[in-house]
Amino acid sequence: MITGSGISLNVDSVSTLRSATNEWYGRAAVKVKNGVVICCYRHGSHHAVNDGELHIKFSSDYGATWTAEDTFTDSSAVSGFPMNPSTLNAGEDAGEPWLYLAPNGDLVLHMWRVDYNVSGNGTYQSRSTDGGKTWSTSAQVDFTGIANDSQVFATDDDFVYNSVIYAGARIHDADQNPSESILIKSSDNGTTWEKVSTICANNEGAGGTGAWEVGLEYLGNNTIIAELRMQDLTRAYQRVSTDMGATWGALTEMTSQIGIAGRQRVYTRTHLKGESNWWTDRYLIMTGFIHTTAGSSQGRINCIWFSTDAGTTWSNPKRIDVSYEDGGYGDIFYNANTGKYVVISYRGTQAEASLIQYNLTFHGVD
């Protein structure tokens, strides 16, 4: 393990992007396009009450300053935001977002259509061709190779390699139990999507109920690493494919190294920096949270993990905050102006949570 190898971090500063009073902000997704950071997140009255919508912010200085909510970099209102699926039943909203930066430069937004534990109507997609200033009316995604699109929720991690978008998704009913994690891909800039394979079946893992979420990164030589948050919230697992996701190796428990990790996002160091051939880098950086009590969703600590050997071994969780009832579901980007790393996540309770920015300095990584 790399614990004690000299890799460490400092939390240089913490700021609040959206402060909550009897409301809930969270589930941030981030992409960087031409030096502009785009951050999409959810706002609602509660963690699990679907009465909210998605919002968007932009930063032209890597998080030093941000635009007002739903405002573009030229101070104009963003067309299409606040965002929800174009079709909603009473009690449904977008649930959570995920942003993709397509090979052609378009921004693609996936969102749930859901009323937690009541109804689930799959993934809806919107597109921006102008850097996020205007967005198309969302429509439900048809996933080739899947019989019931209303059970597919595609807001997990992604990477782009050889002009193909590879991403994680999950298949489950409205109660989310059990849950199957899958690999999907798009070869046409997110116009169409197809299932590649099952990463973790809905009867695998310690609880036999599958995986809720998956973090993904490409490691070169047709190899993909997958970090899995298991549905029973008691352990963390890892799986590796050496044939671009067509098949997957053994399901390996990682709890002793990384804790009961959740909502993982995985990047090579040079991928975050936007360098070429980033998949050859053996240094991995992962963001997410750990559960403080096995089997309970409440009690979370936002964390960072490092690997110096492409995921063969991992550091223990590097905590970037203290424990909160609710939190996590964030993302990370590199500040090219300062050489620091920035995590956008959230913290609070299920009834009241704020969107938070952590500015971090890593030691022994760069």
Protein backbone atom coordinates (compact mmCIF):
# COMPACT_ATOMS: atom_id res chain seq x y z
CA MET A 1 0.00 0.00 0.00
CA ILE A 2 1.12 3.56 -0.57
CA THR A 3 0.22 4.83 2.90
CA GLY A 4 3.32 6.53 4.25
CA SER A 5 4.90 6.83 0.81
CA GLY A 6 5.02 10.63 1.04
CA ILE A 7 1.74 11.37 -0.73
CA SER A 8 -0.36 13.79 1.29
CA LEU A 9 -2.62 16.78 0.88
CA ASN A 10 -3.44 20.09 2.48
CA VAL A 11 -6.92 21.63 2.51
CA ASP A 12 -5.88 25.19 1.75
CA SER A 13 -9.33 26.76 1.86
CA VAL A 14 -13.01 25.87 1.90
CA SER A 15 -15.78 28.05 0.48
CA THR A 16 -19.52 27.78 -0.01
CA LEU A 17 -20.91 27.97 -3.55
CA ARG A 18 -24.58 27.68 -2.52
CA SER A 19 -25.51 28.10 1.12
CA ALA A 20 -28.59 26.29 2.36
CA THR A 21 -31.30 27.37 4.79
CA ASN A 22 -34.06 24.77 5.01
CA GLU A 23 -33.11 23.57 1.51
CA TRP A 24 -30.67 21.15 -0.09
CA TYR A 25 -27.89 21.60 -2.68
CA GLY A 26 -25.65 18.79 -3.92
CA ARG A 27 -24.65 16.12 -6.46
CA ALA A 28 -22.22 18.26 -8.43
CA ALA A 29 -20.89 17.30 -11.87
CA VAL A 30 -17.93 19.21 -13.37
CA LYS A 31 -16.24 19.51 -16.75
CA VAL A 32 -13.52 21.89 -17.99
CA LYS A 33 -13.79 23.17 -21.58
CA ASN A 34 -11.23 25.60 -23.03
CA GLY A 35 -10.23 26.77 -19.55
CA VAL A 36 -13.82 27.34 -18.38
CA VAL A 37 -15.14 25.18 -15.54
CA ILE A 38 -18.78 24.15 -15.87
CA CYS A 39 -20.53 22.93 -12.72
CA CYS A 40 -24.04 21.47 -12.68
CA TYR A 41 -25.83 20.53 -9.44
CA ARG A 42 -29.23 19.80 -7.91
CA HIS A 43 -31.37 21.99 -5.67
CA GLY A 44 -34.43 20.75 -3.78
CA SER A 45 -36.17 20.85 -0.43
CA HIS A 46 -34.52 17.62 0.76
CA HIS A 47 -32.03 14.91 -0.18
CA ALA A 48 -34.82 12.48 -1.10
CA VAL A 49 -37.80 14.70 -2.00
CA ASN A 50 -38.10 15.16 -5.75
CA ASP A 51 -39.41 18.72 -5.92
CA GLY A 52 -36.26 20.35 -7.24
CA GLU A 53 -34.30 21.14 -10.40
CA LEU A 54 -30.77 21.35 -11.78
CA HIS A 55 -28.70 24.54 -11.86
CA ILE A 56 -25.43 25.54 -13.52
CA LYS A 57 -22.48 27.83 -12.76
CA PHE A 58 -19.31 28.76 -14.69
CA SER A 59 -15.80 29.82 -13.71
CA SER A 60 -13.24 31.34 -16.07
CA ASP A 61 -10.48 31.29 -13.42
CA TYR A 62 -10.60 27.67 -12.20
CA GLY A 63 -12.90 28.31 -9.28
CA ALA A 64 -11.46 31.58 -7.94
CA THR A 65 -14.76 33.21 -8.90
CA TRP A 66 -18.06 31.85 -10.25
CA THR A 67 -20.94 33.29 -12.22
CA ALA A 68 -24.32 33.73 -10.60
CA GLU A 69 -26.57 30.69 -10.74
CA ASP A 70 -27.82 29.85 -14.26
CA THR A 71 -25.73 32.69 -15.70
CA PHE A 72 -23.17 32.32 -18.51
CA THR A 73 -19.68 33.83 -18.57
CA ASP A 74 -20.96 36.85 -20.57
CA SER A 75 -23.49 37.57 -17.76
CA SER A 76 -26.44 36.45 -19.89
CA ALA A 77 -29.05 34.01 -18.61
CA VAL A 78 -28.44 30.37 -19.55
CA SER A 79 -31.21 29.15 -21.86
CA GLY A 80 -32.73 25.90 -20.58
CA PHE A 81 -31.85 26.32 -16.89
CA PRO A 82 -33.10 25.64 -14.30
CA MET A 83 -33.32 22.17 -15.88
CA ASN A 84 -35.61 19.21 -15.41
CA PRO A 85 -36.64 16.36 -17.71
CA SER A 86 -39.06 17.65 -20.34
CA THR A 87 -41.71 15.19 -19.15
CA LEU A 88 -42.47 14.79 -15.44
CA ASN A 89 -45.13 13.12 -13.35
CA ALA A 90 -46.22 14.79 -10.14
CA GLY A 91 -43.51 14.28 -7.51
CA GLU A 92 -40.67 13.72 -10.01
CA ASP A 93 -37.57 15.78 -10.77
CA ALA A 94 -34.09 15.41 -12.28
CA GLY A 95 -32.64 13.56 -9.27
CA GLU A 96 -29.02 14.26 -10.19
CA PRO A 97 -26.94 15.39 -13.18
CA TRP A 98 -23.86 14.18 -15.02
CA LEU A 99 -21.93 16.24 -17.58
CA TYR A 100 -20.02 14.83 -20.53
CA LEU A 101 -17.56 16.71 -22.75
CA ALA A 102 -18.11 15.02 -26.11
CA PRO A 103 -15.23 14.52 -28.59
CA ASN A 104 -16.69 17.21 -30.89
CA GLY A 105 -16.73 19.74 -28.03
CA ASP A 106 -20.45 19.58 -27.24
CA LEU A 107 -21.58 19.44 -23.62
CA VAL A 108 -24.02 16.61 -22.96
CA LEU A 109 -26.10 16.52 -19.77
CA HIS A 110 -27.71 13.39 -18.36
CA MET A 111 -30.30 13.57 -15.59
CA TRP A 112 -32.66 11.20 -13.85
CA ARG A 113 -36.44 11.34 -14.08
CA VAL A 114 -37.43 10.01 -10.68
CA ASP A 115 -39.57 10.14 -7.57
CA TYR A 116 -37.39 8.19 -5.12
CA ASN A 117 -38.94 4.88 -4.06
CA VAL A 118 -42.14 5.73 -5.98
CA SER A 119 -41.40 5.96 -9.71
CA GLY A 120 -38.37 5.76 -11.97
CA ASN A 121 -38.47 6.80 -15.60
CA GLY A 122 -34.88 6.54 -16.71
CA THR A 123 -32.34 9.01 -18.08
CA TYR A 124 -33.04 12.21 -20.00
CA GLN A 125 -30.46 14.06 -22.11
CA SER A 126 -29.88 17.68 -23.09
CA ARG A 127 -27.10 19.12 -25.27
CA SER A 128 -25.24 22.42 -25.58
CA THR A 129 -23.24 23.26 -28.69
CA ASP A 130 -22.07 26.67 -27.47
CA GLY A 131 -20.18 25.92 -24.27
CA GLY A 132 -23.23 25.81 -22.01
CA LYS A 133 -24.96 29.07 -22.94
CA THR A 134 -28.00 27.36 -24.49
CA TRP A 135 -29.38 23.84 -24.00
CA SER A 136 -31.74 21.67 -25.99
CA THR A 137 -35.06 20.39 -24.68
CA SER A 138 -34.29 17.13 -22.92
CA ALA A 139 -35.50 13.76 -24.19
CA GLN A 140 -35.35 10.23 -22.80
CA VAL A 141 -32.27 8.23 -23.81
CA ASP A 142 -32.78 5.00 -25.73
CA PHE A 143 -30.04 2.60 -24.65
CA THR A 144 -29.40 -0.01 -27.35
CA GLY A 145 -29.23 -3.48 -25.86
CA ILE A 146 -31.47 -2.71 -22.87
CA ALA A 147 -35.14 -3.72 -22.91
CA ASN A 148 -36.49 -1.19 -20.39
CA ASP A 149 -34.91 2.25 -20.68
CA SER A 150 -36.98 3.52 -17.76
CA GLN A 151 -34.81 1.44 -15.41
CA VAL A 152 -31.47 2.89 -16.64
CA PHE A 153 -29.91 5.82 -14.76
CA ALA A 154 -26.73 7.14 -16.38
CA THR A 155 -25.08 9.68 -14.08
CA ASP A 156 -21.95 7.76 -13.06
CA ASP A 157 -18.35 8.48 -14.05
CA ASP A 158 -17.05 8.66 -17.66
CA PHE A 159 -13.96 9.02 -19.84
CA VAL A 160 -13.38 9.66 -23.55
CA TYR A 161 -10.88 7.60 -25.51
CA ASN A 162 -10.38 7.31 -29.27
CA SER A 163 -13.41 9.58 -29.85
CA VAL A 164 -15.72 7.27 -27.90
CA ILE A 165 -17.48 8.22 -24.64
CA TYR A 166 -17.42 5.38 -22.09
CA ALA A 167 -19.59 5.79 -19.00
CA GLY A 168 -21.13 4.01 -16.06
CA ALA A 169 -24.85 3.58 -15.43
CA ARG A 170 -27.12 1.44 -13.31
CA ILE A 171 -30.27 -0.58 -13.82
CA HIS A 172 -32.86 -0.87 -11.07
CA ASP A 173 -36.49 -0.32 -10.13
CA ALA A 174 -37.72 2.80 -8.34
CA ASP A 175 -36.65 1.42 -4.94
CA GLN A 176 -33.06 0.95 -6.26
CA ASN A 177 -32.77 -2.51 -4.70
CA PRO A 178 -31.12 -4.56 -6.15
CA SER A 179 -28.94 -2.60 -8.57
CA GLU A 180 -26.82 -3.61 -11.59
CA SER A 181 -23.84 -1.47 -12.65
CA ILE A 182 -23.18 -1.40 -16.39
CA LEU A 183 -20.76 0.11 -18.92
CA ILE A 184 -22.29 2.15 -21.72
CA LYS A 185 -20.70 3.95 -24.66
CA SER A 186 -21.40 6.42 -27.44
CA SER A 187 -19.42 6.58 -30.69
CA ASP A 188 -21.30 9.61 -32.06
CA ASN A 189 -20.80 12.36 -29.46
CA GLY A 190 -23.65 11.20 -27.28
CA THR A 191 -26.30 11.06 -30.01
CA THR A 192 -26.86 7.35 -29.41
CA TRP A 193 -25.88 5.08 -26.53
CA GLU A 194 -25.45 1.33 -26.17
CA LYS A 195 -24.78 -1.12 -23.38
CA VAL A 196 -21.28 -2.64 -23.54
CA SER A 197 -21.39 -5.00 -20.56
CA THR A 198 -22.42 -5.62 -16.98
CA ILE A 199 -19.71 -4.47 -14.55
CA CYS A 200 -21.41 -5.79 -11.41
CA ALA A 201 -24.56 -7.92 -11.52
CA ASN A 202 -27.45 -7.20 -9.16
CA ASN A 203 -26.76 -10.36 -7.15
CA GLU A 204 -23.02 -9.79 -6.61
CA GLY A 205 -21.11 -8.38 -3.64
CA ALA A 206 -21.23 -9.09 0.07
CA GLY A 207 -24.92 -8.22 0.36
CA GLY A 208 -25.87 -9.93 -2.88
CA THR A 209 -27.66 -6.80 -4.07
CA GLY A 210 -25.16 -5.42 -6.60
CA ALA A 211 -23.60 -1.96 -6.93
CA TRP A 212 -25.25 1.46 -6.85
CA GLU A 213 -22.51 3.49 -8.55
CA VAL A 214 -19.22 3.07 -10.38
CA GLY A 215 -16.17 5.28 -10.92
CA LEU A 216 -14.22 4.60 -14.12
CA GLU A 217 -10.87 5.43 -15.71
CA TYR A 218 -8.98 4.22 -18.76
CA LEU A 219 -5.45 2.94 -18.04
CA GLY A 220 -4.19 2.20 -21.56
CA ASN A 221 -3.71 -1.18 -23.25
CA ASN A 222 -7.48 -1.72 -23.44
CA THR A 223 -7.66 -1.65 -19.63
CA ILE A 224 -10.46 0.02 -17.63
CA ILE A 225 -10.58 0.22 -13.84
CA ALA A 226 -13.94 0.33 -12.03
CA GLU A 227 -14.46 1.41 -8.39
CA LEU A 228 -17.83 0.27 -7.03
CA ARG A 229 -20.10 1.59 -4.29
CA MET A 230 -22.08 -1.44 -3.22
CA GLN A 231 -25.83 -1.25 -2.70
CA ASP A 232 -25.77 -2.63 0.86
CA LEU A 233 -23.26 0.08 1.97
CA THR A 234 -20.99 -2.30 3.87
CA ARG A 235 -17.96 -2.73 1.59
CA ALA A 236 -16.14 -1.31 -1.44
CA TYR A 237 -15.06 -3.32 -4.48
CA GLN A 238 -12.88 -2.93 -7.56
CA ARG A 239 -13.02 -4.62 -10.94
CA VAL A 240 -10.73 -4.41 -13.98
CA SER A 241 -11.35 -5.09 -17.68
CA THR A 242 -8.50 -5.72 -20.13
CA ASP A 243 -10.65 -5.73 -23.29
CA MET A 244 -12.29 -2.27 -23.22
CA GLY A 245 -15.11 -3.44 -21.01
CA ALA A 246 -16.27 -6.44 -23.00
CA THR A 247 -15.51 -8.66 -19.99
CA TRP A 248 -14.48 -8.02 -16.40
CA GLY A 249 -12.07 -9.73 -14.01
CA ALA A 250 -12.65 -10.79 -10.43
CA LEU A 251 -14.68 -8.63 -8.07
CA THR A 252 -12.02 -7.60 -5.55
CA GLU A 253 -12.90 -6.22 -2.13
CA MET A 254 -11.03 -2.98 -1.36
CA THR A 255 -12.60 -1.98 1.97
CA SER A 256 -9.44 -2.51 4.02
CA GLN A 257 -7.61 0.01 1.83
CA ILE A 258 -10.18 2.63 0.84
CA GLY A 259 -12.92 2.22 3.46
CA ILE A 260 -16.61 1.98 2.62
CA ALA A 261 -16.20 4.36 -0.31
CA GLY A 262 -19.06 6.00 -2.17
CA ARG A 263 -19.72 7.95 -5.36
CA GLN A 264 -16.16 7.56 -6.62
CA ARG A 265 -14.77 9.60 -9.52
CA VAL A 266 -11.41 8.31 -10.81
CA TYR A 267 -8.78 10.12 -12.91
CA THR A 268 -5.16 9.77 -13.82
CA ARG A 269 -3.15 12.76 -12.65
CA THR A 270 -2.43 13.88 -16.22
CA HIS A 271 -6.06 13.37 -17.26
CA LEU A 272 -7.05 16.04 -14.74
CA LYS A 273 -4.32 18.27 -16.16
CA GLY A 274 -5.61 17.80 -19.72
CA GLU A 275 -2.36 16.35 -21.03
CA SER A 276 -2.00 14.05 -24.03
CA ASN A 277 -1.64 10.30 -23.54
CA TRP A 278 -3.02 10.71 -20.03
CA TRP A 279 -3.85 7.00 -19.86
CA THR A 280 -0.17 6.09 -19.56
CA ASP A 281 0.07 7.82 -16.15
CA ARG A 282 0.26 5.35 -13.24
CA TYR A 283 -0.83 7.93 -10.66
CA LEU A 284 -4.57 7.82 -9.98
CA ILE A 285 -6.57 10.35 -8.00
CA MET A 286 -10.04 9.47 -6.72
CA THR A 287 -12.64 11.63 -5.02
CA GLY A 288 -15.78 10.59 -3.16
CA PHE A 289 -16.82 9.93 0.42
CA ILE A 290 -16.71 7.19 3.03
CA HIS A 291 -19.61 5.86 5.07
CA THR A 292 -18.89 6.17 8.79
CA THR A 293 -21.30 3.35 9.75
CA ALA A 294 -21.52 0.15 7.72
CA GLY A 295 -24.96 -0.33 6.24
CA SER A 296 -26.12 3.25 6.88
CA SER A 297 -26.29 5.98 4.26
CA GLN A 298 -26.16 8.66 6.95
CA GLY A 299 -22.74 9.61 8.30
CA ARG A 300 -20.30 10.61 5.52
CA ILE A 301 -16.84 12.15 5.19
CA ASN A 302 -15.63 13.73 1.93
CA CYS A 303 -12.27 12.19 0.93
CA ILE A 304 -9.46 11.84 -1.62
CA TRP A 305 -7.52 8.66 -2.44
CA PHE A 306 -4.23 8.14 -4.31
CA SER A 307 -2.70 5.21 -6.17
CA THR A 308 0.86 5.16 -7.54
CA ASP A 309 0.45 1.86 -9.39
CA ALA A 310 -2.66 2.31 -11.55
CA GLY A 311 -5.02 1.02 -8.89
CA THR A 312 -3.23 -2.13 -7.81
CA THR A 313 -3.02 -0.56 -4.36
CA TRP A 314 -4.63 2.55 -2.90
CA SER A 315 -3.98 4.92 -0.03
CA ASN A 316 -6.32 5.00 2.90
CA PRO A 317 -8.95 7.77 2.70
CA LYS A 318 -7.47 11.27 2.95
CA ARG A 319 -10.20 13.24 4.70
CA ILE A 320 -10.89 16.74 3.42
CA ASP A 321 -13.67 17.46 5.91
CA VAL A 322 -15.25 16.20 9.11
CA SER A 323 -18.25 13.88 9.32
CA TYR A 324 -21.69 15.10 8.31
CA GLU A 325 -25.01 13.29 8.16
CA ASP A 326 -25.12 13.83 4.39
CA GLY A 327 -22.46 14.67 1.81
CA GLY A 328 -20.31 13.48 -1.06
CA TYR A 329 -21.45 13.18 -4.67
CA GLY A 330 -18.83 15.58 -6.00
CA ASP A 331 -16.14 15.91 -8.63
CA ILE A 332 -12.59 17.21 -8.97
CA PHE A 333 -10.64 19.40 -11.42
CA TYR A 334 -7.12 20.83 -11.74
CA ASN A 335 -6.46 24.55 -11.31
CA ALA A 336 -3.93 25.32 -14.05
CA ASN A 337 -3.33 28.81 -12.60
CA THR A 338 -2.21 27.65 -9.15
CA GLY A 339 -1.27 23.98 -9.52
CA LYS A 340 -3.87 23.08 -6.91
CA TYR A 341 -6.78 20.67 -7.18
CA VAL A 342 -10.39 21.65 -6.56
CA VAL A 343 -13.22 19.44 -5.30
CA ILE A 344 -16.84 20.53 -5.59
CA SER A 345 -19.08 18.51 -3.28
CA TYR A 346 -21.68 19.03 -0.59
CA ARG A 347 -22.20 18.59 3.15
CA GLY A 348 -24.95 18.95 5.73
CA THR A 349 -28.03 16.95 6.60
CA GLN A 350 -30.64 15.30 4.43
CA ALA A 351 -32.92 18.26 5.14
CA GLU A 352 -30.33 21.04 4.70
CA ALA A 353 -27.06 20.85 2.76
CA SER A 354 -24.75 23.35 1.07
CA LEU A 355 -22.60 23.13 -2.07
CA ILE A 356 -18.93 23.35 -1.02
CA GLN A 357 -15.60 24.02 -2.77
CA TYR A 358 -12.36 22.57 -1.37
CA ASN A 359 -9.05 23.98 -2.66
CA LEU A 360 -6.33 21.36 -2.18
CA THR A 361 -2.56 21.10 -2.50
CA PHE A 362 -1.20 17.62 -3.17
CA HIS A 363 2.31 16.63 -2.07
CA GLY A 364 4.25 13.77 -3.61
CA VAL A 365 1.94 13.48 -6.61
CA ASP A 366 3.11 16.20 -9.04
